[in-house]
Amino acid sequence: MDFVNEVIKKQKISNSFIKRAGGKEAIEKELDQ
C-alpha cells in the first residue's frame, strides 16, 4: 500500500476516484493479484 499510495500521490488521484475503484481497503485485498 505504500507503493500504491506513492502512485496515488504522484498521480494526484482524488479520494472520489479511489472510492470509485472500491476504496483502499478493497485495493489492499487484491494487491497480491
Full PDB file with SEQRES, HELIX, SHEET, SSBOND, CRYST1, ORIGX, SCALE, CONECT and MASTER records, all heavy atoms in Angstrom:
SEQRES   1 A   33  MET ASP PHE VAL ASN GLU VAL ILE LYS LYS GLN LYS ILE          
SEQRES   2 A   33  SER ASN SER PHE ILE LYS ARG ALA GLY GLY LYS GLU ALA          
SEQRES   3 A   33  ILE GLU LYS GLU LEU ASP GLN                                  
HELIX    1 AA1 ASP A    2  GLN A   11  1                                  10    
HELIX    2 AA2 ASN A   15  ARG A   20  1                                   6    
HELIX    3 AA3 GLY A   23  GLU A   30  1                                   8    
CRYST1    1.000    1.000    1.000  90.00  90.00  90.00 P 1           1          
ORIGX1      1.000000  0.000000  0.000000        0.00000                         
ORIGX2      0.000000  1.000000  0.000000        0.00000                         
ORIGX3      0.000000  0.000000  1.000000        0.00000                         
SCALE1      1.000000  0.000000  0.000000        0.00000                         
SCALE2      0.000000  1.000000  0.000000        0.00000                         
SCALE3      0.000000  0.000000  1.000000        0.00000                         
ATOM      1  N   MET A   1       0.829  -1.203   0.000  1.00  0.00           N  
ATOM      2  CA  MET A   1       0.000   0.000   0.000  1.00  0.00           C  
ATOM      3  C   MET A   1       0.866   1.257   0.000  1.00  0.00           C  
ATOM      4  O   MET A   1       0.441   2.296  -0.503  1.00  0.00           O  
ATOM      5  CB  MET A   1      -0.947  -0.008   1.193  1.00  0.00           C  
ATOM      6  CG  MET A   1      -2.173  -0.890   0.999  1.00  0.00           C  
ATOM      7  SD  MET A   1      -3.108  -0.547  -0.543  1.00  0.00           S  
ATOM      8  CE  MET A   1      -3.644   1.142  -0.265  1.00  0.00           C  
ATOM      9  N   ASP A   2       2.082   1.157   0.537  1.00  0.00           N  
ATOM     10  CA  ASP A   2       2.980   2.314   0.464  1.00  0.00           C  
ATOM     11  C   ASP A   2       3.273   2.668  -0.991  1.00  0.00           C  
ATOM     12  O   ASP A   2       3.285   3.849  -1.364  1.00  0.00           O  
ATOM     13  CB  ASP A   2       4.293   2.023   1.197  1.00  0.00           C  
ATOM     14  CG  ASP A   2       4.135   2.052   2.714  1.00  0.00           C  
ATOM     15  OD1 ASP A   2       3.130   2.632   3.190  1.00  0.00           O  
ATOM     16  OD2 ASP A   2       5.016   1.502   3.411  1.00  0.00           O  
ATOM     17  N   PHE A   3       3.510   1.641  -1.806  1.00  0.00           N  
ATOM     18  CA  PHE A   3       3.768   1.885  -3.226  1.00  0.00           C  
ATOM     19  C   PHE A   3       2.523   2.446  -3.912  1.00  0.00           C  
ATOM     20  O   PHE A   3       2.599   3.407  -4.681  1.00  0.00           O  
ATOM     21  CB  PHE A   3       4.206   0.602  -3.924  1.00  0.00           C  
ATOM     22  CG  PHE A   3       4.432   0.757  -5.405  1.00  0.00           C  
ATOM     23  CD1 PHE A   3       5.613   1.283  -5.888  1.00  0.00           C  
ATOM     24  CD2 PHE A   3       3.450   0.383  -6.307  1.00  0.00           C  
ATOM     25  CE1 PHE A   3       5.822   1.445  -7.252  1.00  0.00           C  
ATOM     26  CE2 PHE A   3       3.640   0.535  -7.672  1.00  0.00           C  
ATOM     27  CZ  PHE A   3       4.835   1.070  -8.141  1.00  0.00           C  
ATOM     28  N   VAL A   4       1.364   1.852  -3.628  1.00  0.00           N  
ATOM     29  CA  VAL A   4       0.116   2.331  -4.227  1.00  0.00           C  
ATOM     30  C   VAL A   4      -0.150   3.777  -3.808  1.00  0.00           C  
ATOM     31  O   VAL A   4      -0.553   4.613  -4.628  1.00  0.00           O  
ATOM     32  CB  VAL A   4      -1.065   1.426  -3.829  1.00  0.00           C  
ATOM     33  CG1 VAL A   4      -2.391   2.021  -4.305  1.00  0.00           C  
ATOM     34  CG2 VAL A   4      -0.880   0.033  -4.407  1.00  0.00           C  
ATOM     35  N   ASN A   5       0.108   4.097  -2.539  1.00  0.00           N  
ATOM     36  CA  ASN A   5      -0.087   5.468  -2.069  1.00  0.00           C  
ATOM     37  C   ASN A   5       0.862   6.432  -2.765  1.00  0.00           C  
ATOM     38  O   ASN A   5       0.514   7.589  -3.027  1.00  0.00           O  
ATOM     39  CB  ASN A   5       0.118   5.540  -0.555  1.00  0.00           C  
ATOM     40  CG  ASN A   5      -1.043   4.929   0.211  1.00  0.00           C  
ATOM     41  OD1 ASN A   5      -2.180   4.956  -0.249  1.00  0.00           O  
ATOM     42  ND2 ASN A   5      -0.755   4.371   1.382  1.00  0.00           N  
ATOM     43  N   GLU A   6       2.059   5.940  -3.086  1.00  0.00           N  
ATOM     44  CA  GLU A   6       3.011   6.773  -3.826  1.00  0.00           C  
ATOM     45  C   GLU A   6       2.488   7.055  -5.236  1.00  0.00           C  
ATOM     46  O   GLU A   6       2.578   8.179  -5.731  1.00  0.00           O  
ATOM     47  CB  GLU A   6       4.366   6.065  -3.893  1.00  0.00           C  
ATOM     48  CG  GLU A   6       5.483   6.937  -4.462  1.00  0.00           C  
ATOM     49  CD  GLU A   6       6.836   6.249  -4.427  1.00  0.00           C  
ATOM     50  OE1 GLU A   6       6.909   5.108  -3.927  1.00  0.00           O  
ATOM     51  OE2 GLU A   6       7.810   6.849  -4.905  1.00  0.00           O  
ATOM     52  N   VAL A   7       1.906   6.031  -5.866  1.00  0.00           N  
ATOM     53  CA  VAL A   7       1.295   6.216  -7.177  1.00  0.00           C  
ATOM     54  C   VAL A   7       0.146   7.219  -7.085  1.00  0.00           C  
ATOM     55  O   VAL A   7       0.023   8.134  -7.909  1.00  0.00           O  
ATOM     56  CB  VAL A   7       0.782   4.873  -7.745  1.00  0.00           C  
ATOM     57  CG1 VAL A   7      -0.041   5.103  -9.005  1.00  0.00           C  
ATOM     58  CG2 VAL A   7       1.948   3.941  -8.041  1.00  0.00           C  
ATOM     59  N   ILE A   8      -0.691   7.047  -6.076  1.00  0.00           N  
ATOM     60  CA  ILE A   8      -1.831   7.946  -5.889  1.00  0.00           C  
ATOM     61  C   ILE A   8      -1.359   9.389  -5.707  1.00  0.00           C  
ATOM     62  O   ILE A   8      -1.923  10.323  -6.287  1.00  0.00           O  
ATOM     63  CB  ILE A   8      -2.670   7.493  -4.673  1.00  0.00           C  
ATOM     64  CG1 ILE A   8      -3.392   6.176  -4.995  1.00  0.00           C  
ATOM     65  CG2 ILE A   8      -3.678   8.569  -4.263  1.00  0.00           C  
ATOM     66  CD1 ILE A   8      -4.054   5.527  -3.788  1.00  0.00           C  
ATOM     67  N   LYS A   9      -0.309   9.571  -4.920  1.00  0.00           N  
ATOM     68  CA  LYS A   9       0.225  10.911  -4.673  1.00  0.00           C  
ATOM     69  C   LYS A   9       0.820  11.516  -5.933  1.00  0.00           C  
ATOM     70  O   LYS A   9       0.543  12.670  -6.281  1.00  0.00           O  
ATOM     71  CB  LYS A   9       1.292  10.843  -3.577  1.00  0.00           C  
ATOM     72  CG  LYS A   9       1.886  12.198  -3.216  1.00  0.00           C  
ATOM     73  CD  LYS A   9       2.925  12.039  -2.105  1.00  0.00           C  
ATOM     74  CE  LYS A   9       3.557  13.389  -1.765  1.00  0.00           C  
ATOM     75  NZ  LYS A   9       4.582  13.248  -0.682  1.00  0.00           N  
ATOM     76  N   LYS A  10       1.633  10.732  -6.638  1.00  0.00           N  
ATOM     77  CA  LYS A  10       2.274  11.230  -7.856  1.00  0.00           C  
ATOM     78  C   LYS A  10       1.238  11.577  -8.918  1.00  0.00           C  
ATOM     79  O   LYS A  10       1.402  12.529  -9.682  1.00  0.00           O  
ATOM     80  CB  LYS A  10       3.249  10.189  -8.403  1.00  0.00           C  
ATOM     81  CG  LYS A  10       4.477   9.978  -7.535  1.00  0.00           C  
ATOM     82  CD  LYS A  10       5.418  11.160  -7.594  1.00  0.00           C  
ATOM     83  CE  LYS A  10       6.696  10.872  -6.822  1.00  0.00           C  
ATOM     84  NZ  LYS A  10       7.628  12.026  -6.852  1.00  0.00           N  
ATOM     85  N   GLN A  11       0.158  10.776  -8.975  1.00  0.00           N  
ATOM     86  CA  GLN A  11      -0.866  10.981  -9.989  1.00  0.00           C  
ATOM     87  C   GLN A  11      -1.939  11.972  -9.560  1.00  0.00           C  
ATOM     88  O   GLN A  11      -2.813  12.314 -10.339  1.00  0.00           O  
ATOM     89  CB  GLN A  11      -1.554   9.654 -10.323  1.00  0.00           C  
ATOM     90  CG  GLN A  11      -0.628   8.575 -10.798  1.00  0.00           C  
ATOM     91  CD  GLN A  11      -0.936   8.193 -12.217  1.00  0.00           C  
ATOM     92  OE1 GLN A  11      -0.049   8.095 -13.006  1.00  0.00           O  
ATOM     93  NE2 GLN A  11      -2.179   8.014 -12.569  1.00  0.00           N  
ATOM     94  N   LYS A  12      -1.841  12.382  -8.283  1.00  0.00           N  
ATOM     95  CA  LYS A  12      -2.838  13.299  -7.734  1.00  0.00           C  
ATOM     96  C   LYS A  12      -4.246  12.713  -7.882  1.00  0.00           C  
ATOM     97  O   LYS A  12      -5.189  13.388  -8.299  1.00  0.00           O  
ATOM     98  CB  LYS A  12      -2.748  14.673  -8.414  1.00  0.00           C  
ATOM     99  CG  LYS A  12      -1.390  15.345  -8.222  1.00  0.00           C  
ATOM    100  CD  LYS A  12      -1.330  16.706  -8.913  1.00  0.00           C  
ATOM    101  CE  LYS A  12       0.036  17.342  -8.718  1.00  0.00           C  
ATOM    102  NZ  LYS A  12       0.150  18.652  -9.412  1.00  0.00           N  
ATOM    103  N   ILE A  13      -4.364  11.434  -7.576  1.00  0.00           N  
ATOM    104  CA  ILE A  13      -5.642  10.741  -7.685  1.00  0.00           C  
ATOM    105  C   ILE A  13      -6.541  11.164  -6.526  1.00  0.00           C  
ATOM    106  O   ILE A  13      -6.134  11.117  -5.363  1.00  0.00           O  
ATOM    107  CB  ILE A  13      -5.440   9.218  -7.689  1.00  0.00           C  
ATOM    108  CG1 ILE A  13      -4.628   8.805  -8.926  1.00  0.00           C  
ATOM    109  CG2 ILE A  13      -6.768   8.475  -7.655  1.00  0.00           C  
ATOM    110  CD1 ILE A  13      -4.287   7.332  -8.984  1.00  0.00           C  
ATOM    111  N   SER A  14      -7.741  11.564  -6.822  1.00  0.00           N  
ATOM    112  CA  SER A  14      -8.663  12.089  -5.824  1.00  0.00           C  
ATOM    113  C   SER A  14      -9.280  10.965  -4.997  1.00  0.00           C  
ATOM    114  O   SER A  14      -9.305   9.794  -5.400  1.00  0.00           O  
ATOM    115  CB  SER A  14      -9.771  12.894  -6.499  1.00  0.00           C  
ATOM    116  OG  SER A  14     -10.600  12.028  -7.251  1.00  0.00           O  
ATOM    117  N   ASN A  15      -9.821  11.343  -3.830  1.00  0.00           N  
ATOM    118  CA  ASN A  15     -10.499  10.368  -2.965  1.00  0.00           C  
ATOM    119  C   ASN A  15     -11.732   9.790  -3.650  1.00  0.00           C  
ATOM    120  O   ASN A  15     -12.045   8.606  -3.482  1.00  0.00           O  
ATOM    121  CB  ASN A  15     -10.890  11.034  -1.649  1.00  0.00           C  
ATOM    122  CG  ASN A  15      -9.693  11.296  -0.754  1.00  0.00           C  
ATOM    123  OD1 ASN A  15      -8.693  10.585  -0.809  1.00  0.00           O  
ATOM    124  ND2 ASN A  15      -9.788  12.323   0.080  1.00  0.00           N  
ATOM    125  N   SER A  16     -12.429  10.629  -4.430  1.00  0.00           N  
ATOM    126  CA  SER A  16     -13.624  10.142  -5.118  1.00  0.00           C  
ATOM    127  C   SER A  16     -13.259   9.089  -6.152  1.00  0.00           C  
ATOM    128  O   SER A  16     -13.984   8.115  -6.356  1.00  0.00           O  
ATOM    129  CB  SER A  16     -14.359  11.311  -5.787  1.00  0.00           C  
ATOM    130  OG  SER A  16     -13.518  11.995  -6.689  1.00  0.00           O  
ATOM    131  N   PHE A  17     -12.099   9.259  -6.791  1.00  0.00           N  
ATOM    132  CA  PHE A  17     -11.632   8.269  -7.757  1.00  0.00           C  
ATOM    133  C   PHE A  17     -11.307   6.957  -7.051  1.00  0.00           C  
ATOM    134  O   PHE A  17     -11.642   5.871  -7.533  1.00  0.00           O  
ATOM    135  CB  PHE A  17     -10.403   8.812  -8.482  1.00  0.00           C  
ATOM    136  CG  PHE A  17      -9.809   7.862  -9.490  1.00  0.00           C  
ATOM    137  CD1 PHE A  17     -10.291   7.809 -10.773  1.00  0.00           C  
ATOM    138  CD2 PHE A  17      -8.764   7.019  -9.141  1.00  0.00           C  
ATOM    139  CE1 PHE A  17      -9.740   6.933 -11.705  1.00  0.00           C  
ATOM    140  CE2 PHE A  17      -8.212   6.145 -10.056  1.00  0.00           C  
ATOM    141  CZ  PHE A  17      -8.714   6.108 -11.339  1.00  0.00           C  
ATOM    142  N   ILE A  18     -10.659   7.065  -5.891  1.00  0.00           N  
ATOM    143  CA  ILE A  18     -10.301   5.875  -5.125  1.00  0.00           C  
ATOM    144  C   ILE A  18     -11.564   5.136  -4.672  1.00  0.00           C  
ATOM    145  O   ILE A  18     -11.637   3.903  -4.721  1.00  0.00           O  
ATOM    146  CB  ILE A  18      -9.423   6.260  -3.924  1.00  0.00           C  
ATOM    147  CG1 ILE A  18      -8.086   6.832  -4.424  1.00  0.00           C  
ATOM    148  CG2 ILE A  18      -9.166   5.049  -3.030  1.00  0.00           C  
ATOM    149  CD1 ILE A  18      -7.260   7.479  -3.343  1.00  0.00           C  
ATOM    150  N   LYS A  19     -12.577   5.904  -4.254  1.00  0.00           N  
ATOM    151  CA  LYS A  19     -13.839   5.284  -3.848  1.00  0.00           C  
ATOM    152  C   LYS A  19     -14.472   4.548  -5.016  1.00  0.00           C  
ATOM    153  O   LYS A  19     -15.045   3.476  -4.852  1.00  0.00           O  
ATOM    154  CB  LYS A  19     -14.791   6.354  -3.311  1.00  0.00           C  
ATOM    155  CG  LYS A  19     -14.401   6.893  -1.940  1.00  0.00           C  
ATOM    156  CD  LYS A  19     -15.398   7.939  -1.468  1.00  0.00           C  
ATOM    157  CE  LYS A  19     -15.019   8.477  -0.090  1.00  0.00           C  
ATOM    158  NZ  LYS A  19     -15.971   9.528   0.360  1.00  0.00           N  
ATOM    159  N   ARG A  20     -14.381   5.152  -6.212  1.00  0.00           N  
ATOM    160  CA  ARG A  20     -14.945   4.511  -7.403  1.00  0.00           C  
ATOM    161  C   ARG A  20     -14.240   3.184  -7.695  1.00  0.00           C  
ATOM    162  O   ARG A  20     -14.830   2.255  -8.247  1.00  0.00           O  
ATOM    163  CB  ARG A  20     -14.825   5.451  -8.597  1.00  0.00           C  
ATOM    164  CG  ARG A  20     -15.439   4.898  -9.877  1.00  0.00           C  
ATOM    165  CD  ARG A  20     -15.505   5.991 -10.943  1.00  0.00           C  
ATOM    166  NE  ARG A  20     -15.993   5.422 -12.176  1.00  0.00           N  
ATOM    167  CZ  ARG A  20     -15.214   4.961 -13.158  1.00  0.00           C  
ATOM    168  NH1 ARG A  20     -13.912   5.016 -13.029  1.00  0.00           N  
ATOM    169  NH2 ARG A  20     -15.731   4.456 -14.251  1.00  0.00           N  
ATOM    170  N   ALA A  21     -12.974   3.091  -7.307  1.00  0.00           N  
ATOM    171  CA  ALA A  21     -12.211   1.860  -7.505  1.00  0.00           C  
ATOM    172  C   ALA A  21     -12.430   0.865  -6.362  1.00  0.00           C  
ATOM    173  O   ALA A  21     -11.768  -0.171  -6.309  1.00  0.00           O  
ATOM    174  CB  ALA A  21     -10.728   2.182  -7.645  1.00  0.00           C  
ATOM    175  N   GLY A  22     -13.341   1.206  -5.449  1.00  0.00           N  
ATOM    176  CA  GLY A  22     -13.655   0.286  -4.366  1.00  0.00           C  
ATOM    177  C   GLY A  22     -13.088   0.679  -3.023  1.00  0.00           C  
ATOM    178  O   GLY A  22     -13.352   0.019  -2.012  1.00  0.00           O  
ATOM    179  N   GLY A  23     -12.245   1.747  -3.002  1.00  0.00           N  
ATOM    180  CA  GLY A  23     -11.630   2.185  -1.757  1.00  0.00           C  
ATOM    181  C   GLY A  23     -10.331   1.466  -1.473  1.00  0.00           C  
ATOM    182  O   GLY A  23     -10.033   0.408  -2.035  1.00  0.00           O  
ATOM    183  N   LYS A  24      -9.530   2.035  -0.569  1.00  0.00           N  
ATOM    184  CA  LYS A  24      -8.213   1.478  -0.287  1.00  0.00           C  
ATOM    185  C   LYS A  24      -8.276   0.094   0.351  1.00  0.00           C  
ATOM    186  O   LYS A  24      -7.393  -0.741   0.127  1.00  0.00           O  
ATOM    187  CB  LYS A  24      -7.418   2.443   0.605  1.00  0.00           C  
ATOM    188  CG  LYS A  24      -6.945   3.692  -0.135  1.00  0.00           C  
ATOM    189  CD  LYS A  24      -5.983   4.507   0.708  1.00  0.00           C  
ATOM    190  CE  LYS A  24      -5.463   5.711  -0.066  1.00  0.00           C  
ATOM    191  NZ  LYS A  24      -4.501   6.511   0.713  1.00  0.00           N  
ATOM    192  N   GLU A  25      -9.312  -0.155   1.126  1.00  0.00           N  
ATOM    193  CA  GLU A  25      -9.425  -1.476   1.750  1.00  0.00           C  
ATOM    194  C   GLU A  25      -9.613  -2.562   0.694  1.00  0.00           C  
ATOM    195  O   GLU A  25      -9.006  -3.635   0.768  1.00  0.00           O  
ATOM    196  CB  GLU A  25     -10.595  -1.486   2.732  1.00  0.00           C  
ATOM    197  CG  GLU A  25     -10.331  -0.698   4.006  1.00  0.00           C  
ATOM    198  CD  GLU A  25     -11.443  -0.854   5.011  1.00  0.00           C  
ATOM    199  OE1 GLU A  25     -12.379  -1.656   4.745  1.00  0.00           O  
ATOM    200  OE2 GLU A  25     -11.389  -0.200   6.068  1.00  0.00           O  
ATOM    201  N   ALA A  26     -10.450  -2.257  -0.311  1.00  0.00           N  
ATOM    202  CA  ALA A  26     -10.669  -3.217  -1.398  1.00  0.00           C  
ATOM    203  C   ALA A  26      -9.403  -3.397  -2.220  1.00  0.00           C  
ATOM    204  O   ALA A  26      -9.068  -4.516  -2.638  1.00  0.00           O  
ATOM    205  CB  ALA A  26     -11.813  -2.744  -2.286  1.00  0.00           C  
ATOM    206  N   ILE A  27      -8.688  -2.296  -2.464  1.00  0.00           N  
ATOM    207  CA  ILE A  27      -7.432  -2.361  -3.219  1.00  0.00           C  
ATOM    208  C   ILE A  27      -6.426  -3.233  -2.477  1.00  0.00           C  
ATOM    209  O   ILE A  27      -5.755  -4.092  -3.066  1.00  0.00           O  
ATOM    210  CB  ILE A  27      -6.866  -0.947  -3.460  1.00  0.00           C  
ATOM    211  CG1 ILE A  27      -7.764  -0.172  -4.421  1.00  0.00           C  
ATOM    212  CG2 ILE A  27      -5.436  -1.021  -4.001  1.00  0.00           C  
ATOM    213  CD1 ILE A  27      -7.387   1.291  -4.577  1.00  0.00           C  
ATOM    214  N   GLU A  28      -6.317  -3.025  -1.165  1.00  0.00           N  
ATOM    215  CA  GLU A  28      -5.331  -3.771  -0.368  1.00  0.00           C  
ATOM    216  C   GLU A  28      -5.596  -5.271  -0.409  1.00  0.00           C  
ATOM    217  O   GLU A  28      -4.663  -6.080  -0.421  1.00  0.00           O  
ATOM    218  CB  GLU A  28      -5.337  -3.264   1.067  1.00  0.00           C  
ATOM    219  CG  GLU A  28      -4.230  -3.832   1.918  1.00  0.00           C  
ATOM    220  CD  GLU A  28      -4.082  -3.117   3.241  1.00  0.00           C  
ATOM    221  OE1 GLU A  28      -4.980  -2.322   3.606  1.00  0.00           O  
ATOM    222  OE2 GLU A  28      -3.054  -3.355   3.922  1.00  0.00           O  
ATOM    223  N   LYS A  29      -6.859  -5.659  -0.469  1.00  0.00           N  
ATOM    224  CA  LYS A  29      -7.213  -7.072  -0.509  1.00  0.00           C  
ATOM    225  C   LYS A  29      -6.766  -7.753  -1.798  1.00  0.00           C  
ATOM    226  O   LYS A  29      -6.570  -8.963  -1.837  1.00  0.00           O  
ATOM    227  CB  LYS A  29      -8.718  -7.237  -0.340  1.00  0.00           C  
ATOM    228  CG  LYS A  29      -9.226  -6.929   1.061  1.00  0.00           C  
ATOM    229  CD  LYS A  29     -10.733  -7.102   1.145  1.00  0.00           C  
ATOM    230  CE  LYS A  29     -11.246  -6.770   2.539  1.00  0.00           C  
ATOM    231  NZ  LYS A  29     -12.725  -6.899   2.628  1.00  0.00           N  
ATOM    232  N   GLU A  30      -6.605  -6.959  -2.882  1.00  0.00           N  
ATOM    233  CA  GLU A  30      -6.248  -7.525  -4.185  1.00  0.00           C  
ATOM    234  C   GLU A  30      -4.774  -7.379  -4.538  1.00  0.00           C  
ATOM    235  O   GLU A  30      -4.343  -7.797  -5.615  1.00  0.00           O  
ATOM    236  CB  GLU A  30      -7.081  -6.871  -5.295  1.00  0.00           C  
ATOM    237  CG  GLU A  30      -8.563  -7.187  -5.248  1.00  0.00           C  
ATOM    238  CD  GLU A  30      -9.281  -6.701  -6.507  1.00  0.00           C  
ATOM    239  OE1 GLU A  30      -8.717  -6.829  -7.615  1.00  0.00           O  
ATOM    240  OE2 GLU A  30     -10.407  -6.184  -6.371  1.00  0.00           O  
ATOM    241  N   LEU A  31      -3.980  -6.775  -3.664  1.00  0.00           N  
ATOM    242  CA  LEU A  31      -2.597  -6.437  -4.003  1.00  0.00           C  
ATOM    243  C   LEU A  31      -1.792  -7.619  -4.518  1.00  0.00           C  
ATOM    244  O   LEU A  31      -1.001  -7.485  -5.457  1.00  0.00           O  
ATOM    245  CB  LEU A  31      -1.886  -5.832  -2.789  1.00  0.00           C  
ATOM    246  CG  LEU A  31      -2.240  -4.397  -2.410  1.00  0.00           C  
ATOM    247  CD1 LEU A  31      -1.403  -3.948  -1.219  1.00  0.00           C  
ATOM    248  CD2 LEU A  31      -2.040  -3.453  -3.596  1.00  0.00           C  
ATOM    249  N   ASP A  32      -1.990  -8.797  -3.902  1.00  0.00           N  
ATOM    250  CA  ASP A  32      -1.174  -9.953  -4.291  1.00  0.00           C  
ATOM    251  C   ASP A  32      -1.567 -10.532  -5.641  1.00  0.00           C  
ATOM    252  O   ASP A  32      -0.929 -11.458  -6.142  1.00  0.00           O  
ATOM    253  CB  ASP A  32      -1.240 -11.046  -3.221  1.00  0.00           C  
ATOM    254  CG  ASP A  32      -2.650 -11.587  -3.009  1.00  0.00           C  
ATOM    255  OD1 ASP A  32      -3.613 -10.966  -3.518  1.00  0.00           O  
ATOM    256  OD2 ASP A  32      -2.794 -12.619  -2.329  1.00  0.00           O  
ATOM    257  N   GLN A  33      -2.617  -9.986  -6.269  1.00  0.00           N  
ATOM    258  CA  GLN A  33      -3.070 -10.485  -7.567  1.00  0.00           C  
ATOM    259  C   GLN A  33      -2.545  -9.659  -8.739  1.00  0.00           C  
ATOM    260  O   GLN A  33      -2.811  -9.980  -9.891  1.00  0.00           O  
ATOM    261  CB  GLN A  33      -4.600 -10.484  -7.602  1.00  0.00           C  
ATOM    262  CG  GLN A  33      -5.251 -11.332  -6.529  1.00  0.00           C  
ATOM    263  CD  GLN A  33      -6.759 -11.201  -6.539  1.00  0.00           C  
ATOM    264  OE1 GLN A  33      -7.381 -11.077  -7.593  1.00  0.00           O  
ATOM    265  NE2 GLN A  33      -7.366 -11.214  -5.356  1.00  0.00           N  
TER     266      GLN A  33                                                      
MASTER        0    0    0    3    0    0    0    6  265    1    0    3          
END                                                                             
